[in-house]
Amino acid sequence: MSSISCYAMVVSGLESIAAREIELLLGAKITRKTDGLVTFKIDGPDPDLFDLKTTEDVFLFAWGTDSLTYRAKDLEDIRKWTAKEGDWTRLISQHHAFKPKTKGKPTYRFITQMDGEHGYHRKDAQKEFAKGLAKFIPPNWRMVEDNASVEFWLTIEEKTAVAGIRLTDKTMRHRTYKVAHRPASLRPTVAAAMVRIAELKPQHKVIDPMCGAGTILGEYQIFAEGWRMPREAAWGGDIEQAAVLDASANTRRLGKIYLHRWDARWLPLDSCSIDRIICNPPFGKQISSEVDINKLYRGLMIQFNRILSPGGKAVLLVSDYAALKGACENVGWELEKKFRTEILGQNAVISLWHKPAPEGTLSAPEGVLPVSNDLQGTE
């Protein structure tokens, strides 16, 4: 089988992280990175594709465009592009190579997602998409509303459209280890990206001081399995006992983690005892209006700085980056990278900070795993 063209949907702003994982895990050639989308080619139907952690969904690529006009003319173009640009017979064969045919009569459905103001409705775009596909769908296949064996997708966002066949399902972005859920819990794919930004090594002591449902800790444990060697146990805690219990339920099958109820502003840990902090402090909307976010972040960073070893690093996700930046600079941390994204409908920033070692002392070893070597943030 010749090379297979695919595209992955990712959380906006984290394309370089997802692309690097795709390269390393699949040996893929990245052909394009754009907002929320990474396109790539692989040599064959690699089952490791289903083990990607920083992608939301993966599809076989049929066609794509950046030239939608927002007008009704797009509908005719969608039908033409689908009928002429997509080699659907080959894509269906590739889909079967990844996912063997189900018993009985094959089923299919059309799915169209559309974002932005256009001069037509989503259902109209899907209708034209289906017309373009009509001659490629075997006559013995049966269309269904849900749980189809083959899903044909059209995704429209502003002037961009991409079409293909879905390979993955919801378990790619909704981890099976998460048996307990909390409101506004962090997306596992975002947590997985934060873990990869942290430049981790097996000897590092890692902590999430405000762990919530334990998603970051869970993604750390899954990532660390790839080392296939002994590693330090991770630490986590939260001010809410219910969160600690949820984190325990979600991570108990993934590896050894020390979980505690604590206030992250007064951590019962030795000074300079932690190598990596990976944390999603509360956004402004998640805390009482009486709480000053600047004061909260300054208090947290004073404590985080105390427990972080010289040369150590911290990956932090916040919506009020200005408040975090002031708090980190207040303790002398240096910014290495930042990634702008969107979390729960809010603009947010994931940033990587470094605690410099005092002059005349040696920093922690700077060798990092290849997964993070080429990650480029925004300036």
Protein backbone atom coordinates (compact mmCIF):
# COMPACT_ATOMS: atom_id res chain seq x y z
CA MET A 1 0.00 0.00 0.00
CA SER A 2 1.31 3.46 -0.89
CA SER A 3 1.67 6.23 1.68
CA ILE A 4 -1.46 7.24 3.56
CA SER A 5 -2.44 10.90 3.95
CA CYS A 6 -4.09 11.79 7.25
CA TYR A 7 -5.09 14.82 9.26
CA ALA A 8 -5.41 15.25 13.00
CA MET A 9 -7.69 17.64 14.82
CA VAL A 10 -5.89 19.23 17.78
CA VAL A 11 -6.59 21.92 20.34
CA SER A 12 -5.80 25.28 18.75
CA GLY A 13 -2.30 26.52 19.56
CA LEU A 14 -0.87 23.07 20.32
CA GLU A 15 -0.21 22.02 16.72
CA SER A 16 3.59 21.88 17.07
CA ILE A 17 3.33 19.59 20.09
CA ALA A 18 0.92 17.23 18.34
CA ALA A 19 3.04 17.27 15.18
CA ARG A 20 6.15 16.29 17.12
CA GLU A 21 4.36 13.37 18.77
CA ILE A 22 3.06 12.22 15.37
CA GLU A 23 6.59 12.35 13.95
CA LEU A 24 8.12 10.40 16.81
CA LEU A 25 5.42 7.78 17.30
CA LEU A 26 4.55 7.10 13.65
CA GLY A 27 7.67 8.16 11.77
CA ALA A 28 5.33 10.42 9.84
CA LYS A 29 6.13 13.27 7.50
CA ILE A 30 4.29 16.42 8.57
CA THR A 31 2.91 18.18 5.49
CA ARG A 32 1.11 21.10 7.10
CA LYS A 33 0.25 22.72 10.43
CA THR A 34 -2.59 25.21 10.62
CA ASP A 35 -5.02 26.35 13.29
CA GLY A 36 -6.32 23.21 15.00
CA LEU A 37 -5.13 20.91 12.21
CA VAL A 38 -2.03 18.84 11.43
CA THR A 39 -1.77 16.95 8.13
CA PHE A 40 0.77 14.15 7.69
CA LYS A 41 1.73 11.08 5.69
CA ILE A 42 2.59 7.61 6.97
CA ASP A 43 3.94 4.58 5.11
CA GLY A 44 1.09 2.23 5.99
CA PRO A 45 -1.76 1.45 8.40
CA ASP A 46 0.24 1.83 11.62
CA PRO A 47 -1.80 0.73 14.68
CA ASP A 48 0.27 3.11 16.84
CA LEU A 49 -1.84 5.90 15.36
CA PHE A 50 -4.52 5.04 17.92
CA ASP A 51 -2.03 5.66 20.76
CA LEU A 52 -1.56 9.37 20.02
CA LYS A 53 -2.27 11.42 23.15
CA THR A 54 -2.14 15.07 22.04
CA THR A 55 -4.66 14.75 19.19
CA GLU A 56 -8.45 14.90 19.45
CA ASP A 57 -9.28 12.86 16.34
CA VAL A 58 -7.50 11.44 13.28
CA PHE A 59 -8.93 11.12 9.75
CA LEU A 60 -7.93 9.86 6.33
CA PHE A 61 -7.44 12.96 4.18
CA ALA A 62 -9.60 13.41 1.06
CA TRP A 63 -9.38 17.11 0.24
CA GLY A 64 -8.92 20.49 1.88
CA THR A 65 -9.12 24.17 0.99
CA ASP A 66 -8.44 27.59 2.44
CA SER A 67 -10.48 29.43 -0.17
CA LEU A 68 -14.09 29.31 0.99
CA THR A 69 -15.92 32.52 0.10
CA TYR A 70 -18.50 32.43 2.94
CA ARG A 71 -21.15 32.69 0.20
CA ALA A 72 -23.59 30.13 -1.19
CA LYS A 73 -21.13 29.46 -4.02
CA ASP A 74 -19.19 27.35 -1.52
CA LEU A 75 -21.93 24.71 -1.63
CA GLU A 76 -21.36 23.97 -5.31
CA ASP A 77 -17.60 23.88 -4.73
CA ILE A 78 -17.97 21.46 -1.82
CA ARG A 79 -19.93 19.07 -4.03
CA LYS A 80 -17.37 19.36 -6.86
CA TRP A 81 -14.32 19.00 -4.62
CA THR A 82 -15.84 15.95 -2.95
CA ALA A 83 -16.69 14.28 -6.26
CA LYS A 84 -13.43 15.09 -8.07
CA GLU A 85 -10.64 15.70 -5.54
CA GLY A 86 -11.20 12.84 -3.10
CA ASP A 87 -10.12 9.30 -4.04
CA TRP A 88 -12.82 7.82 -1.85
CA THR A 89 -12.51 4.26 -3.17
CA ARG A 90 -8.88 4.20 -2.07
CA LEU A 91 -9.74 5.87 1.26
CA ILE A 92 -12.43 3.28 2.02
CA SER A 93 -9.88 0.54 1.31
CA GLN A 94 -7.38 2.25 3.64
CA HIS A 95 -10.06 2.56 6.32
CA HIS A 96 -10.64 -1.19 6.13
CA ALA A 97 -6.88 -1.74 6.53
CA PHE A 98 -6.96 0.20 9.80
CA LYS A 99 -10.33 -1.10 10.96
CA PRO A 100 -11.48 -4.43 9.50
CA LYS A 101 -14.97 -4.65 8.05
CA THR A 102 -17.74 -5.31 10.52
CA LYS A 103 -19.93 -8.36 10.19
CA GLY A 104 -23.11 -7.90 8.22
CA LYS A 105 -24.04 -5.00 5.96
CA PRO A 106 -21.64 -2.04 6.35
CA THR A 107 -23.13 1.16 7.75
CA TYR A 108 -22.16 4.77 7.15
CA ARG A 109 -23.13 8.31 8.04
CA PHE A 110 -22.23 11.89 7.15
CA ILE A 111 -21.04 14.37 9.76
CA THR A 112 -20.55 18.08 9.12
CA GLN A 113 -19.12 20.55 11.61
CA MET A 114 -19.18 24.26 10.80
CA ASP A 115 -17.85 27.27 12.69
CA GLY A 116 -18.03 30.90 11.62
CA GLU A 117 -20.61 33.06 9.85
CA HIS A 118 -21.40 31.70 6.39
CA GLY A 119 -24.13 32.46 3.89
CA TYR A 120 -25.54 28.92 4.18
CA HIS A 121 -26.47 26.42 6.88
CA ARG A 122 -24.52 23.42 8.08
CA LYS A 123 -27.21 21.03 6.83
CA ASP A 124 -26.93 22.56 3.34
CA ALA A 125 -23.16 21.95 3.31
CA GLN A 126 -23.71 18.36 4.44
CA LYS A 127 -26.30 17.81 1.70
CA GLU A 128 -23.82 18.87 -1.00
CA PHE A 129 -21.07 16.83 0.63
CA ALA A 130 -23.32 13.75 0.48
CA LYS A 131 -24.12 14.42 -3.19
CA GLY A 132 -20.43 14.49 -4.03
CA LEU A 133 -19.92 11.17 -2.24
CA ALA A 134 -22.98 9.38 -3.65
CA LYS A 135 -21.25 7.48 -6.46
CA PHE A 136 -18.47 6.18 -4.19
CA ILE A 137 -20.63 4.52 -1.52
CA PRO A 138 -21.37 0.86 -2.33
CA PRO A 139 -25.09 0.27 -2.95
CA ASN A 140 -25.32 -2.45 -0.32
CA TRP A 141 -24.20 -0.08 2.48
CA ARG A 142 -26.85 1.20 4.87
CA MET A 143 -26.97 4.80 6.15
CA VAL A 144 -27.57 5.15 9.91
CA GLU A 145 -27.86 8.01 12.38
CA ASP A 146 -25.30 6.73 14.89
CA ASN A 147 -22.64 4.08 15.50
CA ALA A 148 -21.73 3.76 11.82
CA SER A 149 -18.80 1.59 10.76
CA VAL A 150 -17.64 4.35 8.37
CA GLU A 151 -18.00 8.09 9.05
CA PHE A 152 -17.53 10.66 6.28
CA TRP A 153 -16.59 14.04 7.79
CA LEU A 154 -16.66 17.58 6.50
CA THR A 155 -15.25 20.25 8.81
CA ILE A 156 -15.67 23.94 7.98
CA GLU A 157 -14.03 26.70 10.01
CA GLU A 158 -14.13 30.21 8.62
CA LYS A 159 -12.57 30.00 5.11
CA THR A 160 -11.05 26.55 5.66
CA ALA A 161 -12.67 23.20 4.91
CA VAL A 162 -11.31 19.67 5.13
CA ALA A 163 -12.95 16.34 4.31
CA GLY A 164 -12.10 12.74 5.01
CA ILE A 165 -12.97 9.49 6.77
CA ARG A 166 -12.69 9.28 10.54
CA LEU A 167 -10.31 6.63 11.90
CA THR A 168 -10.58 7.24 15.64
CA ASP A 169 -13.43 7.51 18.12
CA LYS A 170 -14.18 9.42 21.30
CA THR A 171 -11.79 7.32 23.39
CA MET A 172 -8.88 9.16 21.78
CA ARG A 173 -9.83 12.40 23.53
CA HIS A 174 -11.84 10.97 26.45
CA ARG A 175 -9.49 8.65 28.31
CA THR A 176 -10.88 5.41 29.67
CA TYR A 177 -8.95 5.84 32.92
CA LYS A 178 -11.13 8.83 33.87
CA VAL A 179 -13.88 7.21 35.92
CA ALA A 180 -14.46 10.29 38.11
CA HIS A 181 -15.21 13.69 36.60
CA ARG A 182 -15.23 17.22 37.94
CA PRO A 183 -16.71 20.43 36.49
CA ALA A 184 -14.31 22.25 34.14
CA SER A 185 -11.86 19.34 34.28
CA LEU A 186 -8.83 19.72 32.02
CA ARG A 187 -8.96 18.04 28.61
CA PRO A 188 -6.64 15.00 28.58
CA THR A 189 -5.10 16.09 25.26
CA VAL A 190 -4.16 19.46 26.77
CA ALA A 191 -2.73 17.76 29.86
CA ALA A 192 -0.74 15.43 27.60
CA ALA A 193 0.67 18.45 25.75
CA MET A 194 1.68 20.09 29.03
CA VAL A 195 3.53 16.93 30.05
CA ARG A 196 5.48 16.96 26.79
CA ILE A 197 6.39 20.62 27.18
CA ALA A 198 7.94 19.89 30.60
CA GLU A 199 11.11 18.24 29.21
CA LEU A 200 10.91 15.30 31.57
CA LYS A 201 13.46 12.65 32.51
CA PRO A 202 12.93 9.47 34.59
CA GLN A 203 14.84 10.83 37.59
CA HIS A 204 12.71 13.96 37.85
CA LYS A 205 10.40 14.42 40.80
CA VAL A 206 7.13 15.72 39.36
CA ILE A 207 4.22 17.43 41.09
CA ASP A 208 0.82 18.90 40.28
CA PRO A 209 0.05 20.97 43.39
CA MET A 210 -3.55 21.72 42.30
CA CYS A 211 -4.44 18.42 40.70
CA GLY A 212 -8.24 18.51 40.53
CA ALA A 213 -9.40 15.22 38.97
CA GLY A 214 -5.77 14.16 38.39
CA THR A 215 -5.71 14.51 34.60
CA ILE A 216 -2.17 15.92 34.44
CA LEU A 217 -0.91 13.19 36.78
CA GLY A 218 -2.66 10.54 34.69
CA GLU A 219 -1.13 11.83 31.46
CA TYR A 220 2.29 11.99 33.13
CA GLN A 221 2.03 8.33 34.13
CA ILE A 222 0.99 7.28 30.61
CA PHE A 223 3.87 9.30 29.10
CA ALA A 224 6.38 7.88 31.58
CA GLU A 225 5.47 4.30 30.66
CA GLY A 226 7.45 4.88 27.47
CA TRP A 227 10.70 5.07 29.43
CA ARG A 228 10.43 1.39 30.38
CA MET A 229 12.61 1.98 33.42
CA PRO A 230 12.14 2.90 37.10
CA ARG A 231 11.06 6.48 37.78
CA GLU A 232 10.28 8.70 40.72
CA ALA A 233 6.73 8.58 42.03
CA ALA A 234 4.69 11.68 41.17
CA TRP A 235 3.05 13.95 43.74
CA GLY A 236 -0.31 15.66 43.64
CA GLY A 237 -2.75 17.42 45.88
CA ASP A 238 -5.73 19.72 46.07
CA ILE A 239 -7.46 21.91 48.61
CA GLU A 240 -10.71 19.96 48.14
CA GLN A 241 -10.91 16.49 49.62
CA ALA A 242 -13.43 15.47 46.94
CA ALA A 243 -10.88 16.36 44.25
CA VAL A 244 -8.21 14.25 45.94
CA LEU A 245 -10.61 11.29 46.03
CA ASP A 246 -11.47 11.78 42.35
CA ALA A 247 -7.78 12.01 41.44
CA SER A 248 -7.14 8.79 43.35
CA ALA A 249 -9.95 7.00 41.51
CA ASN A 250 -8.64 8.19 38.14
CA THR A 251 -4.96 7.40 38.64
CA ARG A 252 -4.81 4.37 40.91
CA ARG A 253 -4.38 1.97 37.98
CA LEU A 254 -1.69 4.03 36.26
CA GLY A 255 1.22 3.97 38.71
CA LYS A 256 2.44 5.18 42.06
CA ILE A 257 1.30 8.70 42.97
CA TYR A 258 1.38 10.38 46.37
CA LEU A 259 -1.88 12.30 46.78
CA HIS A 260 -2.65 14.70 49.63
CA ARG A 261 -5.16 17.30 50.66
CA TRP A 262 -3.33 20.61 51.03
CA ASP A 263 -3.37 24.30 50.25
CA ALA A 264 -0.91 24.88 47.41
CA ARG A 265 0.20 28.13 49.04
CA TRP A 266 1.60 26.16 52.01
CA LEU A 267 3.00 22.89 50.70
CA PRO A 268 4.36 20.32 53.22
CA LEU A 269 7.38 19.58 51.03
CA ASP A 270 11.08 20.22 51.48
CA SER A 271 12.67 23.21 49.78
CA CYS A 272 14.31 22.48 46.41
CA SER A 273 12.86 18.94 46.41
CA ILE A 274 10.92 19.03 43.11
CA ASP A 275 12.30 19.01 39.55
CA ARG A 276 9.13 19.69 37.55
CA ILE A 277 5.86 21.42 38.39
CA ILE A 278 3.00 20.87 35.93
CA CYS A 279 -0.13 22.71 36.99
CA ASN A 280 -3.38 24.32 35.88
CA PRO A 281 -4.05 26.98 38.56
CA PRO A 282 -7.66 28.17 38.79
CA PHE A 283 -8.78 30.65 36.17
CA GLY A 284 -10.34 33.91 37.34
CA LYS A 285 -13.87 32.60 36.64
CA GLN A 286 -13.23 29.47 38.72
CA ILE A 287 -12.66 31.32 41.99
CA SER A 288 -14.59 33.74 44.14
CA SER A 289 -14.84 37.30 42.86
CA GLU A 290 -13.40 38.39 46.21
CA VAL A 291 -10.10 36.63 45.45
CA ASP A 292 -7.46 38.82 43.81
CA ILE A 293 -5.94 36.68 41.03
CA ASN A 294 -2.68 38.63 41.15
CA LYS A 295 -2.36 38.03 44.88
CA LEU A 296 -3.25 34.35 44.49
CA TYR A 297 -0.68 33.75 41.76
CA ARG A 298 2.03 35.61 43.67
CA GLY A 299 1.37 33.46 46.72
CA LEU A 300 1.46 30.29 44.63
CA MET A 301 4.69 31.19 42.86
CA ILE A 302 6.46 32.00 46.12
CA GLN A 303 5.62 28.49 47.31
CA PHE A 304 6.34 26.85 43.95
CA ASN A 305 9.71 28.61 43.86
CA ARG A 306 10.54 27.31 47.33
CA ILE A 307 9.98 23.63 46.44
CA LEU A 308 11.44 23.82 42.91
CA SER A 309 15.10 22.87 42.65
CA PRO A 310 17.61 25.23 40.98
CA GLY A 311 17.48 24.50 37.26
CA GLY A 312 13.98 23.07 37.67
CA LYS A 313 11.09 23.94 35.36
CA ALA A 314 7.37 24.61 35.61
CA VAL A 315 4.59 24.27 33.04
CA LEU A 316 1.60 26.41 33.91
CA LEU A 317 -1.78 26.91 32.22
CA VAL A 318 -3.72 30.10 32.99
CA SER A 319 -6.10 32.53 31.31
CA ASP A 320 -4.65 35.66 32.95
CA TYR A 321 -1.13 35.39 31.61
CA ALA A 322 -0.20 38.94 32.68
CA ALA A 323 -0.92 38.04 36.31
CA LEU A 324 1.11 34.83 36.05
CA LYS A 325 4.00 36.56 34.28
CA GLY A 326 4.26 39.13 37.06
CA ALA A 327 4.19 36.42 39.72
CA CYS A 328 6.86 34.30 37.98
CA GLU A 329 9.15 37.24 37.35
CA ASN A 330 8.69 38.26 40.99
CA VAL A 331 10.51 35.06 42.05
CA GLY A 332 13.14 35.36 39.33
CA TRP A 333 11.88 32.70 36.95
CA GLU A 334 12.71 32.95 33.25
CA LEU A 335 10.25 32.24 30.43
CA GLU A 336 11.34 29.62 27.89
CA LYS A 337 8.22 29.02 25.78
CA LYS A 338 4.56 29.85 25.67
CA PHE A 339 1.64 28.51 23.67
CA ARG A 340 -1.58 30.43 23.16
CA THR A 341 -4.70 28.28 23.16
CA GLU A 342 -8.36 28.26 24.17
CA ILE A 343 -9.74 26.44 27.20
CA LEU A 344 -13.45 26.23 28.00
CA GLY A 345 -14.13 29.11 25.63
CA GLN A 346 -11.49 31.36 27.19
CA ASN A 347 -8.18 32.48 25.75
CA ALA A 348 -5.40 30.81 27.69
CA VAL A 349 -1.63 30.40 27.70
CA ILE A 350 0.53 27.39 28.52
CA SER A 351 3.98 28.61 29.55
CA LEU A 352 7.27 26.90 30.40
CA TRP A 353 9.35 28.60 33.10
CA HIS A 354 12.89 27.94 34.30
CA LYS A 355 14.27 28.59 37.78
CA PRO A 356 17.88 29.71 37.30
CA ALA A 357 20.56 28.22 39.50
CA PRO A 358 22.46 30.70 41.69
CA GLU A 359 25.82 31.79 40.32
CA GLY A 360 28.58 29.39 41.18
CA THR A 361 26.27 26.35 41.41
CA LEU A 362 25.39 23.68 38.88
CA SER A 363 21.91 23.51 37.38
CA ALA A 364 19.98 20.30 37.07
CA PRO A 365 21.00 18.31 33.96
CA GLU A 366 19.54 19.91 30.86
CA GLY A 367 19.36 16.81 28.64
CA VAL A 368 15.76 16.28 27.55
CA LEU A 369 13.78 13.61 25.81
CA PRO A 370 13.54 14.04 22.02
CA VAL A 371 9.79 14.58 22.27
CA SER A 372 10.31 18.17 23.33
CA ASN A 373 13.34 19.21 21.31
CA ASP A 374 11.50 20.93 18.48
CA LEU A 375 8.51 22.39 20.29
CA GLN A 376 8.15 26.04 19.37
CA GLY A 377 5.94 28.35 21.34
CA THR A 378 4.77 31.86 20.54
CA GLU A 379 6.63 35.02 21.33
